[in-house]
C-alpha atoms as a PDB file:
ATOM      1  CA  MET A   1       0.021   0.027   0.062  1.00  0.00           C
ATOM      2  CA  SER A   2       1.443   3.383  -0.936  1.00  0.00           C
ATOM      3  CA  SER A   3       1.617   5.857   1.568  1.00  0.00           C
ATOM      4  CA  SER A   4      -0.631   8.203   0.160  1.00  0.00           C
ATOM      5  CA  ALA A   5      -3.330   5.575   0.726  1.00  0.00           C
ATOM      6  CA  ASN A   6      -2.305   5.202   4.234  1.00  0.00           C
ATOM      7  CA  PRO A   7      -4.349   7.454   6.637  1.00  0.00           C
ATOM      8  CA  ALA A   8      -1.423   7.477   9.371  1.00  0.00           C
ATOM      9  CA  ALA A   9       1.086   8.846   6.855  1.00  0.00           C
ATOM     10  CA  THR A  10      -1.486  11.390   5.569  1.00  0.00           C
ATOM     11  CA  ASP A  11      -2.177  12.732   9.251  1.00  0.00           C
ATOM     12  CA  ARG A  12       1.706  12.800   9.625  1.00  0.00           C
ATOM     13  CA  LYS A  13       2.007  14.909   6.615  1.00  0.00           C
ATOM     14  CA  ARG A  14      -0.809  17.031   7.353  1.00  0.00           C
ATOM     15  CA  GLY A  15       0.766  17.455  10.974  1.00  0.00           C
ATOM     16  CA  SER A  16       4.239  18.354   9.753  1.00  0.00           C
ATOM     17  CA  GLY A  17       2.399  20.973   7.289  1.00  0.00           C
ATOM     18  CA  VAL A  18       0.596  22.577  10.363  1.00  0.00           C
ATOM     19  CA  ARG A  19       3.734  22.633  12.258  1.00  0.00           C
ATOM     20  CA  MET A  20       5.610  24.363   9.588  1.00  0.00           C
ATOM     21  CA  VAL A  21       2.828  26.974   8.846  1.00  0.00           C
ATOM     22  CA  TYR A  22       2.467  27.744  12.680  1.00  0.00           C
ATOM     23  CA  GLU A  23       6.187  28.259  13.295  1.00  0.00           C
ATOM     24  CA  LEU A  24       6.537  30.422  10.342  1.00  0.00           C
ATOM     25  CA  LEU A  25       3.680  32.498  10.944  1.00  0.00           C
ATOM     26  CA  ARG A  26       4.557  32.657  14.642  1.00  0.00           C
ATOM     27  CA  ASP A  27       8.104  33.776  14.068  1.00  0.00           C
ATOM     28  CA  GLN A  28       6.959  36.375  11.503  1.00  0.00           C
ATOM     29  CA  ILE A  29       4.368  37.749  14.144  1.00  0.00           C
ATOM     30  CA  LEU A  30       6.777  37.874  17.038  1.00  0.00           C
ATOM     31  CA  ASP A  31       9.462  39.485  14.908  1.00  0.00           C
ATOM     32  CA  LEU A  32       6.767  42.172  13.487  1.00  0.00           C
ATOM     33  CA  GLU A  33       7.140  41.022   9.979  1.00  0.00           C
ATOM     34  CA  LEU A  34       3.584  40.418  10.255  1.00  0.00           C
ATOM     35  CA  PRO A  35       2.879  43.574  12.281  1.00  0.00           C
ATOM     36  CA  PRO A  36      -0.204  44.109  14.797  1.00  0.00           C
ATOM     37  CA  GLY A  37      -3.645  44.479  13.072  1.00  0.00           C
ATOM     38  CA  ALA A  38      -2.405  42.722   9.647  1.00  0.00           C
ATOM     39  CA  ILE A  39      -4.899  40.610   8.178  1.00  0.00           C
ATOM     40  CA  VAL A  40      -4.197  37.179   7.883  1.00  0.00           C
ATOM     41  CA  ASP A  41      -5.809  35.507   4.574  1.00  0.00           C
ATOM     42  CA  GLU A  42      -6.441  31.577   4.721  1.00  0.00           C
ATOM     43  CA  ASN A  43      -6.723  31.601   0.936  1.00  0.00           C
ATOM     44  CA  GLN A  44      -3.640  33.412   0.582  1.00  0.00           C
ATOM     45  CA  LEU A  45      -1.694  31.135   2.692  1.00  0.00           C
ATOM     46  CA  ALA A  46      -2.936  28.165   1.329  1.00  0.00           C
ATOM     47  CA  GLU A  47      -1.568  29.342  -2.185  1.00  0.00           C
ATOM     48  CA  ARG A  48       1.628  30.599  -0.788  1.00  0.00           C
ATOM     49  CA  PHE A  49       2.248  27.140   0.934  1.00  0.00           C
ATOM     50  CA  GLY A  50       0.571  24.862  -1.596  1.00  0.00           C
ATOM     51  CA  MET A  51      -1.677  23.119   0.562  1.00  0.00           C
ATOM     52  CA  SER A  52      -5.040  22.983   1.607  1.00  0.00           C
ATOM     53  CA  ARG A  53      -6.992  25.459   3.681  1.00  0.00           C
ATOM     54  CA  THR A  54      -7.259  22.501   6.615  1.00  0.00           C
ATOM     55  CA  PRO A  55      -3.801  22.703   7.863  1.00  0.00           C
ATOM     56  CA  ILE A  56      -3.604  26.485   7.504  1.00  0.00           C
ATOM     57  CA  ARG A  57      -6.622  26.679   9.584  1.00  0.00           C
ATOM     58  CA  GLU A  58      -5.268  24.212  12.196  1.00  0.00           C
ATOM     59  CA  ALA A  59      -2.538  26.500  12.335  1.00  0.00           C
ATOM     60  CA  LEU A  60      -4.250  29.563  12.914  1.00  0.00           C
ATOM     61  CA  VAL A  61      -6.170  27.848  15.514  1.00  0.00           C
ATOM     62  CA  ARG A  62      -2.842  27.256  17.401  1.00  0.00           C
ATOM     63  CA  LEU A  63      -1.880  30.985  16.939  1.00  0.00           C
ATOM     64  CA  ALA A  64      -5.371  32.380  18.312  1.00  0.00           C
ATOM     65  CA  ALA A  65      -5.118  30.109  21.556  1.00  0.00           C
ATOM     66  CA  GLU A  66      -1.497  31.677  22.191  1.00  0.00           C
ATOM     67  CA  GLY A  67      -3.275  35.469  21.770  1.00  0.00           C
ATOM     68  CA  LEU A  68      -1.091  36.163  18.512  1.00  0.00           C
ATOM     69  CA  ILE A  69      -4.331  36.283  16.299  1.00  0.00           C
ATOM     70  CA  ASP A  70      -7.899  37.356  16.568  1.00  0.00           C
ATOM     71  CA  THR A  71     -10.993  36.271  14.640  1.00  0.00           C
ATOM     72  CA  LEU A  72     -12.877  39.095  13.436  1.00  0.00           C
ATOM     73  CA  PRO A  73     -16.990  39.411  13.352  1.00  0.00           C
ATOM     74  CA  ASN A  74     -16.851  39.030   9.531  1.00  0.00           C
ATOM     75  CA  ARG A  75     -14.735  35.721  10.093  1.00  0.00           C
ATOM     76  CA  SER A  76     -11.393  37.154   8.811  1.00  0.00           C
ATOM     77  CA  THR A  77      -8.293  36.878  10.742  1.00  0.00           C
ATOM     78  CA  MET A  78      -5.689  39.496  12.071  1.00  0.00           C
ATOM     79  CA  VAL A  79      -2.667  39.622  13.908  1.00  0.00           C
ATOM     80  CA  SER A  80      -3.526  40.630  17.610  1.00  0.00           C
ATOM     81  CA  ASN A  81      -2.944  44.243  18.506  1.00  0.00           C
ATOM     82  CA  ILE A  82      -0.651  45.151  21.310  1.00  0.00           C
ATOM     83  CA  ASP A  83      -2.760  46.240  24.349  1.00  0.00           C
ATOM     84  CA  PHE A  84      -1.054  49.501  25.161  1.00  0.00           C
ATOM     85  CA  PRO A  85      -3.659  51.081  27.343  1.00  0.00           C
ATOM     86  CA  ASN A  86      -3.093  48.156  29.629  1.00  0.00           C
ATOM     87  CA  LEU A  87       0.650  47.489  29.352  1.00  0.00           C
ATOM     88  CA  HIS A  88       1.214  48.309  33.023  1.00  0.00           C
ATOM     89  CA  THR A  89      -0.673  45.087  33.811  1.00  0.00           C
ATOM     90  CA  PHE A  90       1.607  43.130  31.376  1.00  0.00           C
ATOM     91  CA  PHE A  91       4.724  44.679  33.115  1.00  0.00           C
ATOM     92  CA  ASP A  92       3.349  43.521  36.505  1.00  0.00           C
ATOM     93  CA  ALA A  93       2.844  40.030  35.290  1.00  0.00           C
ATOM     94  CA  LEU A  94       6.015  40.009  33.606  1.00  0.00           C
ATOM     95  CA  THR A  95       8.013  41.201  36.671  1.00  0.00           C
ATOM     96  CA  LEU A  96       6.353  38.670  38.727  1.00  0.00           C
ATOM     97  CA  MET A  97       7.236  35.733  36.455  1.00  0.00           C
ATOM     98  CA  TYR A  98      10.832  36.852  36.216  1.00  0.00           C
ATOM     99  CA  ARG A  99      10.992  36.693  40.115  1.00  0.00           C
ATOM    100  CA  VAL A 100       9.087  33.447  40.604  1.00  0.00           C
ATOM    101  CA  THR A 101      10.837  31.448  37.648  1.00  0.00           C
ATOM    102  CA  THR A 102      14.206  32.700  38.629  1.00  0.00           C
ATOM    103  CA  ARG A 103      13.818  31.751  42.227  1.00  0.00           C
ATOM    104  CA  LEU A 104      12.644  28.336  41.256  1.00  0.00           C
ATOM    105  CA  ALA A 105      15.594  27.721  38.986  1.00  0.00           C
ATOM    106  CA  ALA A 106      17.772  28.529  41.691  1.00  0.00           C
ATOM    107  CA  GLU A 107      16.211  25.864  43.925  1.00  0.00           C
ATOM    108  CA  TYR A 108      15.511  22.985  41.348  1.00  0.00           C
ATOM    109  CA  HIS A 109      17.709  23.381  38.450  1.00  0.00           C
ATOM    110  CA  GLN A 110      19.788  20.318  37.185  1.00  0.00           C
ATOM    111  CA  PRO A 111      23.276  20.587  35.482  1.00  0.00           C
ATOM    112  CA  GLU A 112      21.720  20.261  32.034  1.00  0.00           C
ATOM    113  CA  ASP A 113      19.847  23.312  32.800  1.00  0.00           C
ATOM    114  CA  LEU A 114      22.562  25.292  33.239  1.00  0.00           C
ATOM    115  CA  VAL A 115      24.075  24.362  30.041  1.00  0.00           C
ATOM    116  CA  ALA A 116      21.105  25.368  28.239  1.00  0.00           C
ATOM    117  CA  ILE A 117      20.916  28.713  29.822  1.00  0.00           C
ATOM    118  CA  ARG A 118      24.330  29.756  29.150  1.00  0.00           C
ATOM    119  CA  GLN A 119      23.925  28.713  25.635  1.00  0.00           C
ATOM    120  CA  TYR A 120      21.200  31.069  25.187  1.00  0.00           C
ATOM    121  CA  GLN A 121      23.060  33.643  27.023  1.00  0.00           C
ATOM    122  CA  LYS A 122      26.040  33.185  24.784  1.00  0.00           C
ATOM    123  CA  ALA A 123      23.409  33.345  21.641  1.00  0.00           C
ATOM    124  CA  TYR A 124      22.311  36.660  23.100  1.00  0.00           C
ATOM    125  CA  GLU A 125      26.065  37.960  23.482  1.00  0.00           C
ATOM    126  CA  LEU A 126      26.839  37.013  19.709  1.00  0.00           C
ATOM    127  CA  ALA A 127      23.632  38.641  18.570  1.00  0.00           C
ATOM    128  CA  VAL A 128      24.456  42.105  20.420  1.00  0.00           C
ATOM    129  CA  LYS A 129      27.888  41.852  19.224  1.00  0.00           C
ATOM    130  CA  ASP A 130      26.399  41.414  15.696  1.00  0.00           C
ATOM    131  CA  GLY A 131      23.833  44.153  16.023  1.00  0.00           C
ATOM    132  CA  ASP A 132      21.270  41.360  15.284  1.00  0.00           C
ATOM    133  CA  GLU A 133      18.147  42.931  16.822  1.00  0.00           C
ATOM    134  CA  ILE A 134      15.705  39.956  15.654  1.00  0.00           C
ATOM    135  CA  GLY A 135      18.278  37.472  16.941  1.00  0.00           C
ATOM    136  CA  LEU A 136      18.935  39.113  20.374  1.00  0.00           C
ATOM    137  CA  VAL A 137      15.214  39.104  20.980  1.00  0.00           C
ATOM    138  CA  ALA A 138      14.872  35.807  20.355  1.00  0.00           C
ATOM    139  CA  ALA A 139      17.797  34.826  22.295  1.00  0.00           C
ATOM    140  CA  ASN A 140      16.585  36.904  25.236  1.00  0.00           C
ATOM    141  CA  ARG A 141      13.111  35.036  25.060  1.00  0.00           C
ATOM    142  CA  GLU A 142      14.919  31.494  25.088  1.00  0.00           C
ATOM    143  CA  PHE A 143      17.125  32.508  27.842  1.00  0.00           C
ATOM    144  CA  HIS A 144      14.438  33.407  30.224  1.00  0.00           C
ATOM    145  CA  TYR A 145      12.224  30.512  29.036  1.00  0.00           C
ATOM    146  CA  ALA A 146      15.059  27.962  29.721  1.00  0.00           C
ATOM    147  CA  ILE A 147      15.260  29.561  33.240  1.00  0.00           C
ATOM    148  CA  ALA A 148      11.579  28.904  33.866  1.00  0.00           C
ATOM    149  CA  GLU A 149      12.184  25.262  32.522  1.00  0.00           C
ATOM    150  CA  ALA A 150      14.762  24.736  35.144  1.00  0.00           C
ATOM    151  CA  GLY A 151      12.231  25.871  37.667  1.00  0.00           C
ATOM    152  CA  ARG A 152      10.003  22.660  36.932  1.00  0.00           C
ATOM    153  CA  ASN A 153       6.558  24.392  37.153  1.00  0.00           C
ATOM    154  CA  ARG A 154       4.693  23.594  34.027  1.00  0.00           C
ATOM    155  CA  TYR A 155       2.044  25.838  35.031  1.00  0.00           C
ATOM    156  CA  TYR A 156       4.359  28.653  35.377  1.00  0.00           C
ATOM    157  CA  LEU A 157       6.216  27.747  32.326  1.00  0.00           C
ATOM    158  CA  ALA A 158       2.944  28.034  30.072  1.00  0.00           C
ATOM    159  CA  LEU A 159       2.195  31.700  31.706  1.00  0.00           C
ATOM    160  CA  PHE A 160       5.458  32.804  31.147  1.00  0.00           C
ATOM    161  CA  GLY A 161       5.935  31.456  27.505  1.00  0.00           C
ATOM    162  CA  ARG A 162       2.910  33.620  26.821  1.00  0.00           C
ATOM    163  CA  LEU A 163       4.373  36.781  28.423  1.00  0.00           C
ATOM    164  CA  LEU A 164       7.663  36.282  26.838  1.00  0.00           C
ATOM    165  CA  ASP A 165       6.089  36.124  23.420  1.00  0.00           C
ATOM    166  CA  GLU A 166       4.182  39.298  24.000  1.00  0.00           C
ATOM    167  CA  GLY A 167       7.483  40.906  25.256  1.00  0.00           C
ATOM    168  CA  ARG A 168       9.120  39.727  22.282  1.00  0.00           C
ATOM    169  CA  ARG A 169       6.964  41.946  20.097  1.00  0.00           C
ATOM    170  CA  ILE A 170       7.386  44.959  22.579  1.00  0.00           C
ATOM    171  CA  LEU A 171      11.069  44.580  22.482  1.00  0.00           C
ATOM    172  CA  ARG A 172      11.050  44.643  18.701  1.00  0.00           C
ATOM    173  CA  LEU A 173       9.203  47.825  18.831  1.00  0.00           C
ATOM    174  CA  TYR A 174      11.445  49.342  21.430  1.00  0.00           C
ATOM    175  CA  TYR A 175      14.301  48.637  18.987  1.00  0.00           C
ATOM    176  CA  TYR A 176      12.414  50.150  15.856  1.00  0.00           C
ATOM    177  CA  GLY A 177      11.543  52.923  18.140  1.00  0.00           C
ATOM    178  CA  SER A 178      14.793  53.989  19.623  1.00  0.00           C
ATOM    179  CA  GLY A 179      16.534  54.266  16.259  1.00  0.00           C
ATOM    180  CA  THR A 180      19.836  53.976  18.100  1.00  0.00           C
ATOM    181  CA  GLY A 181      20.922  50.582  17.600  1.00  0.00           C
ATOM    182  CA  ASP A 182      21.783  50.707  21.406  1.00  0.00           C
ATOM    183  CA  TYR A 183      21.728  47.726  23.322  1.00  0.00           C
ATOM    184  CA  PRO A 184      21.854  48.166  27.082  1.00  0.00           C
ATOM    185  CA  GLN A 185      24.815  46.440  28.556  1.00  0.00           C
ATOM    186  CA  ILE A 186      23.262  46.301  32.046  1.00  0.00           C
ATOM    187  CA  TRP A 187      20.969  43.774  30.342  1.00  0.00           C
ATOM    188  CA  PHE A 188      23.631  41.406  29.336  1.00  0.00           C
ATOM    189  CA  ASP A 189      25.234  42.012  32.893  1.00  0.00           C
ATOM    190  CA  GLU A 190      22.147  41.196  34.718  1.00  0.00           C
ATOM    191  CA  HIS A 191      21.819  38.013  32.574  1.00  0.00           C
ATOM    192  CA  GLU A 192      25.296  36.990  33.837  1.00  0.00           C
ATOM    193  CA  ALA A 193      24.337  37.676  37.364  1.00  0.00           C
ATOM    194  CA  ILE A 194      21.263  35.664  37.224  1.00  0.00           C
ATOM    195  CA  VAL A 195      22.931  32.830  35.879  1.00  0.00           C
ATOM    196  CA  ALA A 196      25.706  32.962  38.675  1.00  0.00           C
ATOM    197  CA  ALA A 197      23.069  33.158  41.416  1.00  0.00           C
ATOM    198  CA  VAL A 198      20.973  30.378  39.917  1.00  0.00           C
ATOM    199  CA  ALA A 199      24.000  28.199  39.559  1.00  0.00           C
ATOM    200  CA  ALA A 200      24.859  29.039  43.408  1.00  0.00           C
ATOM    201  CA  ARG A 201      21.124  28.200  44.295  1.00  0.00           C
ATOM    202  CA  ASP A 202      21.321  31.543  45.839  1.00  0.00           C
ATOM    203  CA  ILE A 203      17.417  32.017  45.881  1.00  0.00           C
ATOM    204  CA  GLU A 204      17.263  35.480  47.596  1.00  0.00           C
ATOM    205  CA  ALA A 205      20.004  36.814  45.180  1.00  0.00           C
ATOM    206  CA  ALA A 206      18.314  35.262  42.163  1.00  0.00           C
ATOM    207  CA  ASP A 207      14.860  37.061  43.138  1.00  0.00           C
ATOM    208  CA  ARG A 208      16.700  40.446  43.844  1.00  0.00           C
ATOM    209  CA  ILE A 209      18.542  40.182  40.454  1.00  0.00           C
ATOM    210  CA  ALA A 210      15.400  39.139  38.378  1.00  0.00           C
ATOM    211  CA  ARG A 211      13.359  42.100  39.868  1.00  0.00           C
ATOM    212  CA  GLN A 212      16.063  44.669  39.032  1.00  0.00           C
ATOM    213  CA  HIS A 213      16.468  43.029  35.626  1.00  0.00           C
ATOM    214  CA  ALA A 214      12.609  43.371  34.957  1.00  0.00           C
ATOM    215  CA  ASN A 215      12.657  46.858  36.376  1.00  0.00           C
ATOM    216  CA  GLN A 216      15.358  47.785  34.061  1.00  0.00           C
ATOM    217  CA  ILE A 217      13.608  46.351  31.029  1.00  0.00           C
ATOM    218  CA  VAL A 218      10.447  48.170  31.564  1.00  0.00           C
ATOM    219  CA  SER A 219      11.926  51.424  32.564  1.00  0.00           C
ATOM    220  CA  GLN A 220      13.763  51.390  29.105  1.00  0.00           C
ATOM    221  CA  ILE A 221      10.706  50.386  27.181  1.00  0.00           C
ATOM    222  CA  GLN A 222       8.496  52.971  28.820  1.00  0.00           C
ATOM    223  CA  ALA A 223      11.107  55.667  28.001  1.00  0.00           C
ATOM    224  CA  ALA A 224      11.126  54.786  24.421  1.00  0.00           C
ATOM    225  CA  ILE A 225       7.320  54.482  24.187  1.00  0.00           C
ATOM    226  CA  THR A 226       6.884  57.675  25.776  1.00  0.00           C
ATOM    227  CA  ARG A 227       9.659  59.555  24.206  1.00  0.00           C
ATOM    228  CA  ASP A 228       8.808  62.999  22.629  1.00  0.00           C
ATOM    229  CA  ARG A 229       9.585  63.001  18.964  1.00  0.00           C
ATOM    230  CA  ARG A 230       7.851  66.370  18.006  1.00  0.00           C
ATOM    231  CA  GLN A 231      10.126  68.715  16.086  1.00  0.00           C
ATOM    232  CA  ASP A 232      10.304  72.355  16.441  1.00  0.00           C
ATOM    233  CA  ILE A 233       9.471  73.872  13.092  1.00  0.00           C
ATOM    234  CA  ASP A 234       9.341  77.357  12.263  1.00  0.00           C
ATOM    235  CA  ILE A 235       5.952  78.417  10.412  1.00  0.00           C
END
């Protein structure tokens, strides 16, 4: 029997197609290649990927479950907007999860967790040196997610993953808006301090540095968002 006649093989093929579409669209959304408010058209995606609308729709369902896309009343789909009026509530949640997950990592990490954490920190360092904004934002997300994994609480991990994804979009806006190409050295230094505290199983230091790190990021982003860009023009 050929694989095309095998239902299991067909399901595997469709599953791989769903995963490919999901991962590609997810990266494009988080990197702002698909900006907030952009329309996501099933027919265009099906034509682009050369597949039926079924796996496209399944990929969009996954993205919707993660809060990255919204279905409109007319049944069209768009990339979710960033909720700027309530950004302070996002910052509150992010700060709390930085602290909780870093504390847990200091208490429960295994040696292999430190290997992964340090790998992402190295990727972050290289991206900064290369001026690779997309790479450093992605590496930053994976660095903190690896710390959360080391804490071994799957409920926190799921929540933190979603917060980090939204944070990835906000950081991309930060770098778009700053226009300086400036990557704060203190963020890298605080990453190093977090790794040291986790490795030493110093729970209180891990908490303190994670809170300080979150506050630094929030203050930098808030300053960029509220920067006065008006020009003094003679009339």
